[in-house]
């Protein structure tokens, strides 16, 4: 599948970020500090999708910057990957009050942003973290305890991807047995990346992760 030039996709991703930053599609815009669009390599082969920003993310405007984020970074390093190699985002781009579960209407309001992110980044593998991301992207009611560690072929916004459901790092921090299972499932990621079809274009790492412009600093991108 031929992809668009990386520079064009990055430019469109910045435009999408600007649109999301002013979004008022659901009531969460009234209580958030700022939109947490996502961050990382815009040409990543591997993408992570969590549930929603927490208080740390809402304050900093970046995803997974608390304890769960530190665990995610540790698991990446354990498997020969860095945070700068991947793109990380959430189903919701705004924090729900008191970190409550996302409402269906909020998920529907944010769905177009996530779908467009997938289309522009063109990942080969998407790891869904926890129930909300897994159910949304697989289109199935089956929960994470039943499907974790089981790769699935899906099409998202006309983009064929390999979905790989994982327990959410926050759940792993609460339960040692879940943390062990998450680490085991994470260990299969390098092989999955190797098996997935290569993208049409290779982008030097330093090109996508150089110093960013102020308006796009959340994305880690260059124009």
C-alpha atoms as a PDB file:
ATOM      1  CA  UNK A   1       0.000   0.000   0.000  1.00  0.00           C
ATOM      2  CA  UNK A   2       1.610   3.222  -1.159  1.00  0.00           C
ATOM      3  CA  UNK A   3       1.707   5.940   1.463  1.00  0.00           C
ATOM      4  CA  UNK A   4       1.902   9.695   1.095  1.00  0.00           C
ATOM      5  CA  UNK A   5       5.245  11.476   1.501  1.00  0.00           C
ATOM      6  CA  UNK A   6       6.223  11.780   5.152  1.00  0.00           C
ATOM      7  CA  UNK A   7       6.556  15.573   4.997  1.00  0.00           C
ATOM      8  CA  UNK A   8       2.966  15.933   3.776  1.00  0.00           C
ATOM      9  CA  UNK A   9       1.657  13.602   6.459  1.00  0.00           C
ATOM     10  CA  UNK A  10       3.525  15.489   9.194  1.00  0.00           C
ATOM     11  CA  UNK A  11       2.125  18.797   7.964  1.00  0.00           C
ATOM     12  CA  UNK A  12      -1.409  17.384   8.039  1.00  0.00           C
ATOM     13  CA  UNK A  13      -0.801  15.966  11.511  1.00  0.00           C
ATOM     14  CA  UNK A  14       0.192  19.405  12.772  1.00  0.00           C
ATOM     15  CA  UNK A  15      -3.000  20.816  11.237  1.00  0.00           C
ATOM     16  CA  UNK A  16      -5.008  18.106  12.979  1.00  0.00           C
ATOM     17  CA  UNK A  17      -3.320  18.990  16.267  1.00  0.00           C
ATOM     18  CA  UNK A  18      -4.321  22.636  15.831  1.00  0.00           C
ATOM     19  CA  UNK A  19      -7.902  21.585  15.145  1.00  0.00           C
ATOM     20  CA  UNK A  20      -8.008  19.306  18.195  1.00  0.00           C
ATOM     21  CA  UNK A  21      -6.491  22.000  20.410  1.00  0.00           C
ATOM     22  CA  UNK A  22      -9.608  24.127  19.920  1.00  0.00           C
ATOM     23  CA  UNK A  23     -12.120  21.290  19.888  1.00  0.00           C
ATOM     24  CA  UNK A  24     -15.478  21.803  21.609  1.00  0.00           C
ATOM     25  CA  UNK A  25     -17.237  18.671  20.348  1.00  0.00           C
ATOM     26  CA  UNK A  26     -17.994  17.422  23.870  1.00  0.00           C
ATOM     27  CA  UNK A  27     -18.346  19.026  27.329  1.00  0.00           C
ATOM     28  CA  UNK A  28     -14.836  17.957  28.366  1.00  0.00           C
ATOM     29  CA  UNK A  29     -13.490  21.133  26.779  1.00  0.00           C
ATOM     30  CA  UNK A  30     -15.037  23.030  29.686  1.00  0.00           C
ATOM     31  CA  UNK A  31     -13.012  21.218  32.366  1.00  0.00           C
ATOM     32  CA  UNK A  32      -9.709  20.293  30.708  1.00  0.00           C
ATOM     33  CA  UNK A  33      -6.527  22.324  31.162  1.00  0.00           C
ATOM     34  CA  UNK A  34      -5.424  21.528  27.612  1.00  0.00           C
ATOM     35  CA  UNK A  35      -5.835  18.965  24.861  1.00  0.00           C
ATOM     36  CA  UNK A  36      -3.473  15.977  25.028  1.00  0.00           C
ATOM     37  CA  UNK A  37      -3.200  15.167  21.334  1.00  0.00           C
ATOM     38  CA  UNK A  38      -0.387  12.619  21.407  1.00  0.00           C
ATOM     39  CA  UNK A  39       3.382  12.617  21.025  1.00  0.00           C
ATOM     40  CA  UNK A  40       6.218  10.758  19.384  1.00  0.00           C
ATOM     41  CA  UNK A  41       7.475   9.767  15.972  1.00  0.00           C
ATOM     42  CA  UNK A  42       5.009  10.751  13.258  1.00  0.00           C
ATOM     43  CA  UNK A  43       6.445   8.022  11.018  1.00  0.00           C
ATOM     44  CA  UNK A  44       6.305   5.308  13.672  1.00  0.00           C
ATOM     45  CA  UNK A  45       5.717   1.693  12.759  1.00  0.00           C
ATOM     46  CA  UNK A  46       4.374   1.171  16.292  1.00  0.00           C
ATOM     47  CA  UNK A  47       1.563   3.174  17.881  1.00  0.00           C
ATOM     48  CA  UNK A  48       0.081   2.952  21.386  1.00  0.00           C
ATOM     49  CA  UNK A  49      -3.495   3.979  22.172  1.00  0.00           C
ATOM     50  CA  UNK A  50      -4.537   4.378  25.798  1.00  0.00           C
ATOM     51  CA  UNK A  51      -7.781   5.454  27.414  1.00  0.00           C
ATOM     52  CA  UNK A  52      -7.652   9.133  28.379  1.00  0.00           C
ATOM     53  CA  UNK A  53      -5.293  11.724  29.875  1.00  0.00           C
ATOM     54  CA  UNK A  54      -4.884  11.841  33.658  1.00  0.00           C
ATOM     55  CA  UNK A  55      -4.034  14.815  35.830  1.00  0.00           C
ATOM     56  CA  UNK A  56      -0.313  14.803  34.960  1.00  0.00           C
ATOM     57  CA  UNK A  57      -1.079  14.581  31.262  1.00  0.00           C
ATOM     58  CA  UNK A  58      -3.689  17.323  31.478  1.00  0.00           C
ATOM     59  CA  UNK A  59      -1.149  19.592  33.178  1.00  0.00           C
ATOM     60  CA  UNK A  60       1.733  18.894  30.784  1.00  0.00           C
ATOM     61  CA  UNK A  61      -0.164  18.343  27.537  1.00  0.00           C
ATOM     62  CA  UNK A  62       1.660  15.064  26.895  1.00  0.00           C
ATOM     63  CA  UNK A  63       0.422  11.461  27.107  1.00  0.00           C
ATOM     64  CA  UNK A  64       1.696   8.900  29.616  1.00  0.00           C
ATOM     65  CA  UNK A  65       3.958  11.141  31.690  1.00  0.00           C
ATOM     66  CA  UNK A  66       3.088   9.691  35.112  1.00  0.00           C
ATOM     67  CA  UNK A  67       3.924   6.324  36.690  1.00  0.00           C
ATOM     68  CA  UNK A  68       2.132   4.396  33.946  1.00  0.00           C
ATOM     69  CA  UNK A  69       4.217   6.237  31.371  1.00  0.00           C
ATOM     70  CA  UNK A  70       7.438   5.351  33.165  1.00  0.00           C
ATOM     71  CA  UNK A  71       6.452   1.679  33.143  1.00  0.00           C
ATOM     72  CA  UNK A  72       5.642   1.904  29.441  1.00  0.00           C
ATOM     73  CA  UNK A  73       9.074   3.381  28.751  1.00  0.00           C
ATOM     74  CA  UNK A  74      10.752   0.630  30.800  1.00  0.00           C
ATOM     75  CA  UNK A  75       8.933  -2.071  28.847  1.00  0.00           C
ATOM     76  CA  UNK A  76       9.945  -0.452  25.574  1.00  0.00           C
ATOM     77  CA  UNK A  77      13.591  -0.346  26.623  1.00  0.00           C
ATOM     78  CA  UNK A  78      13.452  -3.962  27.781  1.00  0.00           C
ATOM     79  CA  UNK A  79      12.512  -4.890  24.222  1.00  0.00           C
ATOM     80  CA  UNK A  80      15.017  -2.766  22.346  1.00  0.00           C
ATOM     81  CA  UNK A  81      12.700   0.184  21.713  1.00  0.00           C
ATOM     82  CA  UNK A  82      12.608   3.808  22.837  1.00  0.00           C
ATOM     83  CA  UNK A  83       9.722   6.145  23.427  1.00  0.00           C
ATOM     84  CA  UNK A  84      11.049   8.285  20.592  1.00  0.00           C
ATOM     85  CA  UNK A  85      10.574   5.340  18.213  1.00  0.00           C
ATOM     86  CA  UNK A  86       6.816   5.162  18.726  1.00  0.00           C
ATOM     87  CA  UNK A  87       3.735   7.376  18.739  1.00  0.00           C
ATOM     88  CA  UNK A  88       1.548   7.457  21.866  1.00  0.00           C
ATOM     89  CA  UNK A  89      -1.988   8.803  22.115  1.00  0.00           C
ATOM     90  CA  UNK A  90      -5.336   8.111  23.790  1.00  0.00           C
ATOM     91  CA  UNK A  91      -8.933   7.458  22.808  1.00  0.00           C
ATOM     92  CA  UNK A  92      -9.899  10.743  24.477  1.00  0.00           C
ATOM     93  CA  UNK A  93      -7.807  13.859  23.975  1.00  0.00           C
ATOM     94  CA  UNK A  94      -9.250  15.617  27.055  1.00  0.00           C
ATOM     95  CA  UNK A  95      -9.165  14.497  30.673  1.00  0.00           C
ATOM     96  CA  UNK A  96     -12.488  13.313  32.138  1.00  0.00           C
ATOM     97  CA  UNK A  97     -13.198  14.935  35.536  1.00  0.00           C
ATOM     98  CA  UNK A  98     -11.728  12.934  38.452  1.00  0.00           C
ATOM     99  CA  UNK A  99     -10.356  10.440  35.914  1.00  0.00           C
ATOM    100  CA  UNK A 100     -13.764   8.810  35.506  1.00  0.00           C
ATOM    101  CA  UNK A 101     -14.415   6.378  32.652  1.00  0.00           C
ATOM    102  CA  UNK A 102     -15.013   7.927  29.219  1.00  0.00           C
ATOM    103  CA  UNK A 103     -18.652   8.357  28.216  1.00  0.00           C
ATOM    104  CA  UNK A 104     -19.800   6.880  24.879  1.00  0.00           C
ATOM    105  CA  UNK A 105     -20.592  10.350  23.531  1.00  0.00           C
ATOM    106  CA  UNK A 106     -17.057  11.523  24.375  1.00  0.00           C
ATOM    107  CA  UNK A 107     -15.539   8.516  22.628  1.00  0.00           C
ATOM    108  CA  UNK A 108     -17.658   9.228  19.550  1.00  0.00           C
ATOM    109  CA  UNK A 109     -16.583  12.885  19.574  1.00  0.00           C
ATOM    110  CA  UNK A 110     -12.881  11.979  19.674  1.00  0.00           C
ATOM    111  CA  UNK A 111     -13.043   8.997  17.334  1.00  0.00           C
ATOM    112  CA  UNK A 112     -12.380  11.041  14.145  1.00  0.00           C
ATOM    113  CA  UNK A 113      -9.141  12.425  15.617  1.00  0.00           C
ATOM    114  CA  UNK A 114      -7.816   8.957  16.433  1.00  0.00           C
ATOM    115  CA  UNK A 115      -8.830   7.572  13.063  1.00  0.00           C
ATOM    116  CA  UNK A 116      -7.104  10.443  11.288  1.00  0.00           C
ATOM    117  CA  UNK A 117      -3.967   9.980  13.401  1.00  0.00           C
ATOM    118  CA  UNK A 118      -3.772   6.361  12.248  1.00  0.00           C
ATOM    119  CA  UNK A 119      -4.230   7.392   8.622  1.00  0.00           C
ATOM    120  CA  UNK A 120      -1.491  10.039   8.825  1.00  0.00           C
ATOM    121  CA  UNK A 121       1.097   8.169  10.905  1.00  0.00           C
ATOM    122  CA  UNK A 122       0.578   4.907   8.980  1.00  0.00           C
ATOM    123  CA  UNK A 123       1.649   2.512  11.775  1.00  0.00           C
ATOM    124  CA  UNK A 124       2.005  -1.176  11.003  1.00  0.00           C
ATOM    125  CA  UNK A 125       1.209  -2.281  14.576  1.00  0.00           C
ATOM    126  CA  UNK A 126      -1.155  -0.586  17.047  1.00  0.00           C
ATOM    127  CA  UNK A 127      -1.093  -1.614  20.700  1.00  0.00           C
ATOM    128  CA  UNK A 128      -4.394  -0.927  22.413  1.00  0.00           C
ATOM    129  CA  UNK A 129      -3.881  -0.382  26.137  1.00  0.00           C
ATOM    130  CA  UNK A 130      -6.822  -1.494  28.245  1.00  0.00           C
ATOM    131  CA  UNK A 131     -10.527  -2.026  27.629  1.00  0.00           C
ATOM    132  CA  UNK A 132     -11.668   1.232  26.077  1.00  0.00           C
ATOM    133  CA  UNK A 133      -9.034   1.397  23.328  1.00  0.00           C
ATOM    134  CA  UNK A 134      -9.312  -2.332  22.646  1.00  0.00           C
ATOM    135  CA  UNK A 135     -13.097  -2.384  22.322  1.00  0.00           C
ATOM    136  CA  UNK A 136     -13.137   0.766  20.196  1.00  0.00           C
ATOM    137  CA  UNK A 137     -10.512  -0.301  17.660  1.00  0.00           C
ATOM    138  CA  UNK A 138     -11.417  -3.996  17.459  1.00  0.00           C
ATOM    139  CA  UNK A 139     -15.131  -3.221  17.248  1.00  0.00           C
ATOM    140  CA  UNK A 140     -15.750  -6.087  19.667  1.00  0.00           C
ATOM    141  CA  UNK A 141     -17.252  -6.128  23.176  1.00  0.00           C
ATOM    142  CA  UNK A 142     -14.654  -8.644  24.358  1.00  0.00           C
ATOM    143  CA  UNK A 143     -12.629  -7.244  27.225  1.00  0.00           C
ATOM    144  CA  UNK A 144      -8.874  -7.028  27.573  1.00  0.00           C
ATOM    145  CA  UNK A 145      -8.606 -10.053  29.880  1.00  0.00           C
ATOM    146  CA  UNK A 146      -9.917 -12.246  27.047  1.00  0.00           C
ATOM    147  CA  UNK A 147      -7.938 -10.826  24.127  1.00  0.00           C
ATOM    148  CA  UNK A 148      -4.632  -9.509  25.520  1.00  0.00           C
ATOM    149  CA  UNK A 149      -1.579 -10.748  23.667  1.00  0.00           C
ATOM    150  CA  UNK A 150      -3.631 -11.895  20.650  1.00  0.00           C
ATOM    151  CA  UNK A 151      -2.764 -10.032  17.411  1.00  0.00           C
ATOM    152  CA  UNK A 152      -5.721  -9.129  15.200  1.00  0.00           C
ATOM    153  CA  UNK A 153      -5.877  -7.875  11.621  1.00  0.00           C
ATOM    154  CA  UNK A 154      -8.130  -4.850  11.175  1.00  0.00           C
ATOM    155  CA  UNK A 155      -8.689  -1.908   8.858  1.00  0.00           C
ATOM    156  CA  UNK A 156      -8.877   1.566  10.388  1.00  0.00           C
ATOM    157  CA  UNK A 157      -9.841   4.402   8.103  1.00  0.00           C
ATOM    158  CA  UNK A 158      -8.867   2.354   5.021  1.00  0.00           C
ATOM    159  CA  UNK A 159      -5.513   1.576   6.675  1.00  0.00           C
ATOM    160  CA  UNK A 160      -4.756  -2.151   7.288  1.00  0.00           C
ATOM    161  CA  UNK A 161      -3.082  -2.587  10.663  1.00  0.00           C
ATOM    162  CA  UNK A 162      -2.169  -5.296  13.142  1.00  0.00           C
ATOM    163  CA  UNK A 163      -3.886  -4.589  16.464  1.00  0.00           C
ATOM    164  CA  UNK A 164      -2.195  -5.994  19.544  1.00  0.00           C
ATOM    165  CA  UNK A 165      -4.263  -5.640  22.755  1.00  0.00           C
ATOM    166  CA  UNK A 166      -2.310  -5.151  25.986  1.00  0.00           C
ATOM    167  CA  UNK A 167      -3.206  -4.541  29.596  1.00  0.00           C
ATOM    168  CA  UNK A 168      -3.021  -0.876  30.533  1.00  0.00           C
ATOM    169  CA  UNK A 169       0.206  -0.031  32.425  1.00  0.00           C
ATOM    170  CA  UNK A 170      -1.903   1.614  35.162  1.00  0.00           C
ATOM    171  CA  UNK A 171      -3.591  -1.739  35.820  1.00  0.00           C
ATOM    172  CA  UNK A 172      -0.185  -3.417  35.865  1.00  0.00           C
ATOM    173  CA  UNK A 173       0.979  -1.018  38.576  1.00  0.00           C
ATOM    174  CA  UNK A 174      -1.949  -2.076  40.763  1.00  0.00           C
ATOM    175  CA  UNK A 175      -1.672  -5.841  40.269  1.00  0.00           C
ATOM    176  CA  UNK A 176       1.666  -7.742  40.134  1.00  0.00           C
ATOM    177  CA  UNK A 177       0.200 -10.627  38.117  1.00  0.00           C
ATOM    178  CA  UNK A 178      -1.061  -8.195  35.477  1.00  0.00           C
ATOM    179  CA  UNK A 179       2.367  -6.575  35.342  1.00  0.00           C
ATOM    180  CA  UNK A 180       3.949  -9.975  34.690  1.00  0.00           C
ATOM    181  CA  UNK A 181       1.454 -10.698  31.913  1.00  0.00           C
ATOM    182  CA  UNK A 182       1.985  -7.271  30.379  1.00  0.00           C
ATOM    183  CA  UNK A 183       5.743  -7.824  30.304  1.00  0.00           C
ATOM    184  CA  UNK A 184       5.249 -11.235  28.696  1.00  0.00           C
ATOM    185  CA  UNK A 185       2.915  -9.849  26.021  1.00  0.00           C
ATOM    186  CA  UNK A 186       5.270  -6.912  25.437  1.00  0.00           C
ATOM    187  CA  UNK A 187       8.061  -9.371  24.729  1.00  0.00           C
ATOM    188  CA  UNK A 188       6.305 -10.457  21.523  1.00  0.00           C
ATOM    189  CA  UNK A 189       6.326  -6.954  20.062  1.00  0.00           C
ATOM    190  CA  UNK A 190       9.725  -7.085  18.305  1.00  0.00           C
ATOM    191  CA  UNK A 191       8.669 -10.229  16.448  1.00  0.00           C
ATOM    192  CA  UNK A 192       5.321  -8.695  15.487  1.00  0.00           C
ATOM    193  CA  UNK A 193       7.049  -5.626  14.112  1.00  0.00           C
ATOM    194  CA  UNK A 194       9.367  -7.856  12.127  1.00  0.00           C
ATOM    195  CA  UNK A 195       6.497  -9.904  10.728  1.00  0.00           C
ATOM    196  CA  UNK A 196       4.283  -6.960   9.770  1.00  0.00           C
ATOM    197  CA  UNK A 197       4.575  -5.697   6.220  1.00  0.00           C
ATOM    198  CA  UNK A 198       7.206  -2.955   5.869  1.00  0.00           C
ATOM    199  CA  UNK A 199       5.993   0.559   5.184  1.00  0.00           C
ATOM    200  CA  UNK A 200       6.499   2.144   1.769  1.00  0.00           C
ATOM    201  CA  UNK A 201       8.924   4.723   3.060  1.00  0.00           C
ATOM    202  CA  UNK A 202      11.824   4.835   5.497  1.00  0.00           C
ATOM    203  CA  UNK A 203      12.362   8.064   7.460  1.00  0.00           C
ATOM    204  CA  UNK A 204      15.636   8.774   9.287  1.00  0.00           C
ATOM    205  CA  UNK A 205      15.026   8.937  13.038  1.00  0.00           C
ATOM    206  CA  UNK A 206      16.690  12.298  13.443  1.00  0.00           C
ATOM    207  CA  UNK A 207      14.444  13.751  10.730  1.00  0.00           C
ATOM    208  CA  UNK A 208      11.226  13.046  12.617  1.00  0.00           C
ATOM    209  CA  UNK A 209      12.570  13.781  16.081  1.00  0.00           C
ATOM    210  CA  UNK A 210      14.664  16.910  15.696  1.00  0.00           C
ATOM    211  CA  UNK A 211      13.959  20.175  17.516  1.00  0.00           C
ATOM    212  CA  UNK A 212      10.294  21.066  17.070  1.00  0.00           C
ATOM    213  CA  UNK A 213       8.485  24.292  16.413  1.00  0.00           C
ATOM    214  CA  UNK A 214       6.587  25.736  19.399  1.00  0.00           C
ATOM    215  CA  UNK A 215       3.114  25.168  17.958  1.00  0.00           C
ATOM    216  CA  UNK A 216       3.854  21.465  17.327  1.00  0.00           C
ATOM    217  CA  UNK A 217       5.959  20.625  20.371  1.00  0.00           C
ATOM    218  CA  UNK A 218       3.429  18.082  21.613  1.00  0.00           C
ATOM    219  CA  UNK A 219       3.972  15.993  18.495  1.00  0.00           C
ATOM    220  CA  UNK A 220       7.754  15.833  18.356  1.00  0.00           C
ATOM    221  CA  UNK A 221       7.651  16.784  14.659  1.00  0.00           C
ATOM    222  CA  UNK A 222       9.395  18.935  12.109  1.00  0.00           C
ATOM    223  CA  UNK A 223       7.610  20.591   9.226  1.00  0.00           C
END
